[in-house]
Amino acid sequence: MTESIPFVQTVGIGHKDADRLTLSNDPCLQNHLGTLHAGALYTLAETQSGLALMRLFPELRDKVIPLLRSGGLKYRHPVTESVVATAEISQEERERFMKRFLDKGRATVTVTVRLKREDEKICAEGDFVWFVQRS
């Protein structure tokens, strides 16, 4: 799915498995300290949030236009190795989103993303709010 996004290919985001994306610490993605650049980590997190949307709401695929409304990460630890991204949407949030979407044809949904280093420490986490409307 993410393979069709040129920018994702350029950054080098890959699939760890069906539900998780990964990013290696390629020298071209490093900052002046030799750690992964915050922008590369943000790209991984934002892409993971979009993947979660597609996976959790497959019935909406090709029927909606999702647009990122806002997103933010809290960076906790520097990264000098590969990073794995996970995302979740609470059951309560899913139900609220679907109810509003079915009523209005548009709604927002918040996806929580966590990025973990190889040592399993969370290096960044945050929320991405998507605006979804019927196409």
N, C-alpha and C. Protein backbone atom coordinates (compact mmCIF):
# COMPACT_ATOMS: atom_id res chain seq x y z
N MET A 1 0.81 -1.20 0.00
CA MET A 1 0.00 0.00 0.00
C MET A 1 0.85 1.26 0.00
N THR A 2 1.80 1.32 0.92
CA THR A 2 2.63 2.51 1.01
C THR A 2 3.65 2.58 -0.13
N GLU A 3 3.85 1.46 -0.84
CA GLU A 3 4.82 1.42 -1.91
C GLU A 3 4.44 2.36 -3.06
N SER A 4 3.18 2.73 -3.14
CA SER A 4 2.72 3.59 -4.23
C SER A 4 2.93 5.08 -3.94
N ILE A 5 3.45 5.41 -2.77
CA ILE A 5 3.68 6.81 -2.40
C ILE A 5 5.15 7.15 -2.66
N PRO A 6 5.42 7.98 -3.67
CA PRO A 6 6.82 8.27 -4.03
C PRO A 6 7.67 8.79 -2.87
N PHE A 7 7.14 9.69 -2.06
CA PHE A 7 7.94 10.24 -0.96
C PHE A 7 8.31 9.17 0.05
N VAL A 8 7.40 8.25 0.32
CA VAL A 8 7.67 7.15 1.25
C VAL A 8 8.81 6.29 0.71
N GLN A 9 8.81 6.06 -0.59
CA GLN A 9 9.90 5.30 -1.23
C GLN A 9 11.22 6.05 -1.10
N THR A 10 11.18 7.35 -1.31
CA THR A 10 12.40 8.17 -1.23
C THR A 10 13.02 8.11 0.16
N VAL A 11 12.18 8.19 1.18
CA VAL A 11 12.68 8.16 2.56
C VAL A 11 13.15 6.76 2.94
N GLY A 12 12.58 5.73 2.31
CA GLY A 12 13.01 4.37 2.59
C GLY A 12 12.18 3.64 3.62
N ILE A 13 10.95 4.06 3.80
CA ILE A 13 10.06 3.38 4.73
C ILE A 13 9.67 2.02 4.15
N GLY A 14 9.74 1.00 4.99
CA GLY A 14 9.39 -0.35 4.55
C GLY A 14 8.41 -0.99 5.51
N HIS A 15 7.99 -2.18 5.18
CA HIS A 15 7.04 -2.92 6.02
C HIS A 15 7.78 -3.88 6.93
N LYS A 16 7.56 -3.77 8.22
CA LYS A 16 8.06 -4.76 9.18
C LYS A 16 7.20 -6.01 9.08
N ASP A 17 5.89 -5.79 9.00
CA ASP A 17 4.89 -6.83 8.76
C ASP A 17 3.65 -6.12 8.23
N ALA A 18 2.52 -6.79 8.20
CA ALA A 18 1.31 -6.22 7.59
C ALA A 18 0.82 -4.97 8.30
N ASP A 19 1.07 -4.86 9.61
CA ASP A 19 0.53 -3.75 10.39
C ASP A 19 1.55 -2.71 10.84
N ARG A 20 2.83 -2.98 10.63
CA ARG A 20 3.86 -2.08 11.14
C ARG A 20 4.85 -1.69 10.05
N LEU A 21 5.22 -0.42 10.09
CA LEU A 21 6.23 0.11 9.17
C LEU A 21 7.55 0.26 9.89
N THR A 22 8.62 0.30 9.12
CA THR A 22 9.95 0.44 9.70
C THR A 22 10.78 1.44 8.90
N LEU A 23 11.78 1.98 9.56
CA LEU A 23 12.70 2.92 8.93
C LEU A 23 14.10 2.65 9.46
N SER A 24 15.05 2.49 8.55
CA SER A 24 16.44 2.25 8.94
C SER A 24 17.17 3.57 9.12
N ASN A 25 18.24 3.54 9.88
CA ASN A 25 19.04 4.74 10.10
C ASN A 25 20.05 4.88 8.95
N ASP A 26 19.53 5.22 7.80
CA ASP A 26 20.36 5.43 6.62
C ASP A 26 21.11 6.76 6.80
N PRO A 27 22.37 6.84 6.41
CA PRO A 27 23.12 8.09 6.57
C PRO A 27 22.45 9.30 5.93
N CYS A 28 21.70 9.10 4.85
CA CYS A 28 21.04 10.24 4.20
C CYS A 28 19.85 10.76 5.01
N LEU A 29 19.45 10.05 6.06
CA LEU A 29 18.32 10.48 6.90
C LEU A 29 18.78 11.03 8.25
N GLN A 30 20.09 11.14 8.44
CA GLN A 30 20.62 11.58 9.72
C GLN A 30 20.68 13.10 9.83
N ASN A 31 20.63 13.55 11.06
CA ASN A 31 20.83 14.97 11.35
C ASN A 31 22.31 15.23 11.64
N HIS A 32 22.63 16.40 12.11
CA HIS A 32 24.02 16.78 12.38
C HIS A 32 24.65 16.01 13.54
N LEU A 33 23.82 15.27 14.31
CA LEU A 33 24.33 14.49 15.44
C LEU A 33 24.52 13.01 15.09
N GLY A 34 24.14 12.64 13.87
CA GLY A 34 24.25 11.24 13.46
C GLY A 34 23.07 10.39 13.87
N THR A 35 22.01 11.02 14.35
CA THR A 35 20.79 10.28 14.69
C THR A 35 19.74 10.53 13.61
N LEU A 36 18.69 9.73 13.61
CA LEU A 36 17.63 9.92 12.62
C LEU A 36 17.02 11.31 12.77
N HIS A 37 16.87 11.98 11.66
CA HIS A 37 16.31 13.33 11.61
C HIS A 37 14.85 13.30 12.06
N ALA A 38 14.44 14.30 12.80
CA ALA A 38 13.06 14.39 13.29
C ALA A 38 12.06 14.34 12.13
N GLY A 39 12.40 14.93 11.00
CA GLY A 39 11.50 14.92 9.85
C GLY A 39 11.30 13.52 9.29
N ALA A 40 12.34 12.70 9.32
CA ALA A 40 12.21 11.32 8.86
C ALA A 40 11.32 10.53 9.81
N LEU A 41 11.49 10.75 11.10
CA LEU A 41 10.65 10.07 12.09
C LEU A 41 9.19 10.51 11.96
N TYR A 42 8.97 11.80 11.72
CA TYR A 42 7.61 12.30 11.53
C TYR A 42 6.96 11.66 10.30
N THR A 43 7.72 11.55 9.23
CA THR A 43 7.21 10.93 8.00
C THR A 43 6.80 9.49 8.27
N LEU A 44 7.62 8.75 9.01
CA LEU A 44 7.29 7.38 9.36
C LEU A 44 5.99 7.34 10.17
N ALA A 45 5.86 8.20 11.16
CA ALA A 45 4.67 8.21 12.02
C ALA A 45 3.42 8.59 11.24
N GLU A 46 3.51 9.60 10.41
CA GLU A 46 2.34 10.03 9.63
C GLU A 46 1.91 8.95 8.66
N THR A 47 2.88 8.29 8.03
CA THR A 47 2.57 7.21 7.10
C THR A 47 1.92 6.05 7.84
N GLN A 48 2.42 5.73 9.02
CA GLN A 48 1.83 4.65 9.83
C GLN A 48 0.40 4.99 10.22
N SER A 49 0.12 6.24 10.52
CA SER A 49 -1.25 6.62 10.89
C SER A 49 -2.20 6.44 9.71
N GLY A 50 -1.76 6.75 8.50
CA GLY A 50 -2.58 6.53 7.32
C GLY A 50 -2.80 5.06 7.04
N LEU A 51 -1.77 4.25 7.25
CA LEU A 51 -1.90 2.81 7.07
C LEU A 51 -2.92 2.24 8.05
N ALA A 52 -2.89 2.72 9.29
CA ALA A 52 -3.85 2.27 10.30
C ALA A 52 -5.28 2.59 9.88
N LEU A 53 -5.47 3.78 9.31
CA LEU A 53 -6.80 4.16 8.82
C LEU A 53 -7.30 3.16 7.79
N MET A 54 -6.46 2.83 6.83
CA MET A 54 -6.85 1.90 5.76
C MET A 54 -7.14 0.51 6.32
N ARG A 55 -6.34 0.07 7.28
CA ARG A 55 -6.51 -1.27 7.84
C ARG A 55 -7.74 -1.38 8.74
N LEU A 56 -8.03 -0.33 9.51
CA LEU A 56 -9.13 -0.41 10.46
C LEU A 56 -10.50 -0.08 9.86
N PHE A 57 -10.50 0.56 8.70
CA PHE A 57 -11.76 0.90 8.04
C PHE A 57 -11.72 0.46 6.57
N PRO A 58 -11.55 -0.84 6.31
CA PRO A 58 -11.42 -1.29 4.92
C PRO A 58 -12.68 -1.03 4.09
N GLU A 59 -13.81 -0.95 4.74
CA GLU A 59 -15.06 -0.71 4.01
C GLU A 59 -15.12 0.69 3.40
N LEU A 60 -14.24 1.58 3.83
CA LEU A 60 -14.23 2.95 3.30
C LEU A 60 -13.22 3.15 2.17
N ARG A 61 -12.41 2.15 1.95
CA ARG A 61 -11.36 2.26 0.92
C ARG A 61 -11.96 2.59 -0.44
N ASP A 62 -11.36 3.53 -1.13
CA ASP A 62 -11.79 4.00 -2.45
C ASP A 62 -13.15 4.70 -2.44
N LYS A 63 -13.66 5.00 -1.25
CA LYS A 63 -14.94 5.70 -1.13
C LYS A 63 -14.81 7.03 -0.41
N VAL A 64 -13.60 7.31 0.10
CA VAL A 64 -13.39 8.53 0.89
C VAL A 64 -12.12 9.24 0.46
N ILE A 65 -12.03 10.49 0.90
CA ILE A 65 -10.81 11.28 0.75
C ILE A 65 -10.33 11.60 2.16
N PRO A 66 -9.25 10.94 2.60
CA PRO A 66 -8.69 11.26 3.92
C PRO A 66 -7.63 12.35 3.79
N LEU A 67 -7.72 13.34 4.65
CA LEU A 67 -6.74 14.43 4.67
C LEU A 67 -6.22 14.59 6.09
N LEU A 68 -4.91 14.67 6.23
CA LEU A 68 -4.34 14.89 7.55
C LEU A 68 -4.67 16.32 7.98
N ARG A 69 -5.36 16.45 9.10
CA ARG A 69 -5.71 17.77 9.62
C ARG A 69 -4.61 18.31 10.55
N SER A 70 -4.10 17.44 11.40
CA SER A 70 -3.01 17.85 12.28
C SER A 70 -2.27 16.61 12.76
N GLY A 71 -1.05 16.82 13.17
CA GLY A 71 -0.25 15.72 13.67
C GLY A 71 0.91 16.25 14.48
N GLY A 72 1.28 15.50 15.47
CA GLY A 72 2.41 15.92 16.28
C GLY A 72 3.07 14.73 16.95
N LEU A 73 4.35 14.85 17.17
CA LEU A 73 5.12 13.82 17.85
C LEU A 73 5.85 14.43 19.03
N LYS A 74 5.92 13.67 20.09
CA LYS A 74 6.79 14.03 21.20
C LYS A 74 8.00 13.12 21.08
N TYR A 75 9.15 13.71 20.84
CA TYR A 75 10.39 12.95 20.68
C TYR A 75 10.98 12.71 22.06
N ARG A 76 11.29 11.43 22.35
CA ARG A 76 11.74 11.06 23.70
C ARG A 76 13.21 10.67 23.77
N HIS A 77 13.69 9.93 22.77
CA HIS A 77 15.06 9.43 22.78
C HIS A 77 15.65 9.54 21.38
N PRO A 78 16.94 9.82 21.27
CA PRO A 78 17.57 9.84 19.95
C PRO A 78 17.60 8.43 19.37
N VAL A 79 17.69 8.36 18.04
CA VAL A 79 17.64 7.08 17.36
C VAL A 79 18.88 6.90 16.49
N THR A 80 19.60 5.81 16.73
CA THR A 80 20.77 5.49 15.93
C THR A 80 20.65 4.12 15.28
N GLU A 81 19.45 3.54 15.34
CA GLU A 81 19.20 2.24 14.73
C GLU A 81 17.84 2.27 14.03
N SER A 82 17.39 1.12 13.56
CA SER A 82 16.08 1.05 12.91
C SER A 82 14.97 1.35 13.90
N VAL A 83 13.86 1.83 13.34
CA VAL A 83 12.70 2.19 14.15
C VAL A 83 11.48 1.45 13.58
N VAL A 84 10.60 1.01 14.47
CA VAL A 84 9.36 0.36 14.07
C VAL A 84 8.20 1.21 14.57
N ALA A 85 7.21 1.39 13.69
CA ALA A 85 6.03 2.21 14.02
C ALA A 85 4.81 1.32 14.24
N THR A 86 4.02 1.67 15.24
CA THR A 86 2.73 1.03 15.47
C THR A 86 1.68 2.12 15.61
N ALA A 87 0.44 1.76 15.35
CA ALA A 87 -0.65 2.74 15.46
C ALA A 87 -1.88 2.07 16.02
N GLU A 88 -2.68 2.87 16.70
CA GLU A 88 -3.94 2.35 17.23
C GLU A 88 -5.00 3.45 17.24
N ILE A 89 -6.23 2.99 17.17
CA ILE A 89 -7.38 3.86 17.32
C ILE A 89 -8.26 3.15 18.34
N SER A 90 -8.58 3.83 19.42
CA SER A 90 -9.39 3.18 20.46
C SER A 90 -10.75 2.78 19.91
N GLN A 91 -11.33 1.78 20.53
CA GLN A 91 -12.65 1.32 20.11
C GLN A 91 -13.68 2.45 20.23
N GLU A 92 -13.59 3.21 21.28
CA GLU A 92 -14.49 4.35 21.48
C GLU A 92 -14.34 5.36 20.35
N GLU A 93 -13.11 5.64 19.95
CA GLU A 93 -12.84 6.58 18.86
C GLU A 93 -13.36 6.04 17.53
N ARG A 94 -13.19 4.75 17.29
CA ARG A 94 -13.69 4.12 16.06
C ARG A 94 -15.21 4.25 15.96
N GLU A 95 -15.89 3.95 17.07
CA GLU A 95 -17.35 4.03 17.08
C GLU A 95 -17.83 5.46 16.88
N ARG A 96 -17.19 6.40 17.55
CA ARG A 96 -17.56 7.81 17.41
C ARG A 96 -17.38 8.26 15.97
N PHE A 97 -16.23 7.90 15.38
CA PHE A 97 -15.94 8.28 14.00
C PHE A 97 -16.99 7.71 13.04
N MET A 98 -17.26 6.41 13.13
CA MET A 98 -18.19 5.78 12.19
C MET A 98 -19.60 6.34 12.32
N LYS A 99 -20.03 6.59 13.54
CA LYS A 99 -21.37 7.16 13.74
C LYS A 99 -21.46 8.52 13.04
N ARG A 100 -20.49 9.36 13.29
CA ARG A 100 -20.51 10.70 12.68
C ARG A 100 -20.37 10.61 11.16
N PHE A 101 -19.47 9.74 10.70
CA PHE A 101 -19.27 9.59 9.25
C PHE A 101 -20.54 9.13 8.56
N LEU A 102 -21.22 8.15 9.14
CA LEU A 102 -22.45 7.64 8.54
C LEU A 102 -23.56 8.69 8.57
N ASP A 103 -23.60 9.51 9.62
CA ASP A 103 -24.61 10.57 9.74
C ASP A 103 -24.35 11.74 8.79
N LYS A 104 -23.09 12.17 8.69
CA LYS A 104 -22.75 13.41 7.99
C LYS A 104 -21.98 13.23 6.68
N GLY A 105 -21.38 12.06 6.50
CA GLY A 105 -20.56 11.85 5.31
C GLY A 105 -19.16 12.40 5.46
N ARG A 106 -18.84 12.82 6.67
CA ARG A 106 -17.50 13.33 6.97
C ARG A 106 -17.31 13.28 8.49
N ALA A 107 -16.05 13.12 8.91
CA ALA A 107 -15.75 13.06 10.33
C ALA A 107 -14.23 13.10 10.52
N THR A 108 -13.82 13.34 11.74
CA THR A 108 -12.40 13.27 12.08
C THR A 108 -12.17 12.03 12.94
N VAL A 109 -10.95 11.55 12.88
CA VAL A 109 -10.56 10.40 13.69
C VAL A 109 -9.10 10.60 14.11
N THR A 110 -8.81 10.27 15.36
CA THR A 110 -7.46 10.43 15.90
C THR A 110 -6.76 9.08 15.97
N VAL A 111 -5.56 9.04 15.40
CA VAL A 111 -4.73 7.84 15.39
C VAL A 111 -3.51 8.11 16.27
N THR A 112 -3.28 7.23 17.23
CA THR A 112 -2.11 7.35 18.10
C THR A 112 -1.00 6.46 17.54
N VAL A 113 0.19 7.05 17.39
CA VAL A 113 1.33 6.34 16.81
C VAL A 113 2.47 6.31 17.82
N ARG A 114 3.15 5.16 17.86
CA ARG A 114 4.35 5.02 18.69
C ARG A 114 5.49 4.52 17.81
N LEU A 115 6.65 5.12 18.00
CA LEU A 115 7.87 4.68 17.31
C LEU A 115 8.79 4.07 18.35
N LYS A 116 9.28 2.85 18.07
CA LYS A 116 10.17 2.17 19.01
C LYS A 116 11.51 1.87 18.34
N ARG A 117 12.55 2.04 19.14
CA ARG A 117 13.89 1.65 18.71
C ARG A 117 14.03 0.14 18.81
N GLU A 118 15.16 -0.38 18.34
CA GLU A 118 15.41 -1.82 18.40
C GLU A 118 15.43 -2.34 19.84
N ASP A 119 15.81 -1.49 20.79
CA ASP A 119 15.83 -1.91 22.20
C ASP A 119 14.45 -1.81 22.86
N GLU A 120 13.42 -1.56 22.04
CA GLU A 120 12.02 -1.49 22.47
C GLU A 120 11.67 -0.20 23.23
N LYS A 121 12.61 0.73 23.37
CA LYS A 121 12.30 2.01 23.98
C LYS A 121 11.48 2.85 23.01
N ILE A 122 10.45 3.49 23.54
CA ILE A 122 9.66 4.40 22.71
C ILE A 122 10.50 5.64 22.48
N CYS A 123 10.78 5.94 21.22
CA CYS A 123 11.59 7.12 20.91
C CYS A 123 10.73 8.31 20.52
N ALA A 124 9.47 8.05 20.14
CA ALA A 124 8.55 9.14 19.81
C ALA A 124 7.13 8.60 19.83
N GLU A 125 6.19 9.47 20.18
CA GLU A 125 4.79 9.09 20.12
C GLU A 125 3.94 10.34 19.95
N GLY A 126 2.78 10.15 19.34
CA GLY A 126 1.92 11.30 19.13
C GLY A 126 0.62 10.92 18.46
N ASP A 127 -0.20 11.95 18.25
CA ASP A 127 -1.52 11.78 17.66
C ASP A 127 -1.59 12.46 16.31
N PHE A 128 -2.30 11.81 15.40
CA PHE A 128 -2.53 12.33 14.05
C PHE A 128 -4.03 12.35 13.82
N VAL A 129 -4.57 13.53 13.53
CA VAL A 129 -6.00 13.71 13.34
C VAL A 129 -6.28 13.77 11.85
N TRP A 130 -7.11 12.85 11.38
CA TRP A 130 -7.49 12.76 9.97
C TRP A 130 -8.92 13.25 9.78
N PHE A 131 -9.12 14.05 8.75
CA PHE A 131 -10.46 14.46 8.31
C PHE A 131 -10.80 13.55 7.13
N VAL A 132 -11.91 12.85 7.25
CA VAL A 132 -12.31 11.88 6.23
C VAL A 132 -13.68 12.29 5.70
N GLN A 133 -13.80 12.40 4.38
CA GLN A 133 -15.09 12.72 3.77
C GLN A 133 -15.35 11.81 2.58
N ARG A 134 -16.63 11.63 2.30
CA ARG A 134 -16.99 10.82 1.13
C ARG A 134 -16.43 11.46 -0.13
N SER A 135 -15.98 10.63 -1.06
CA SER A 135 -15.43 11.18 -2.30
C SER A 135 -16.53 11.40 -3.33
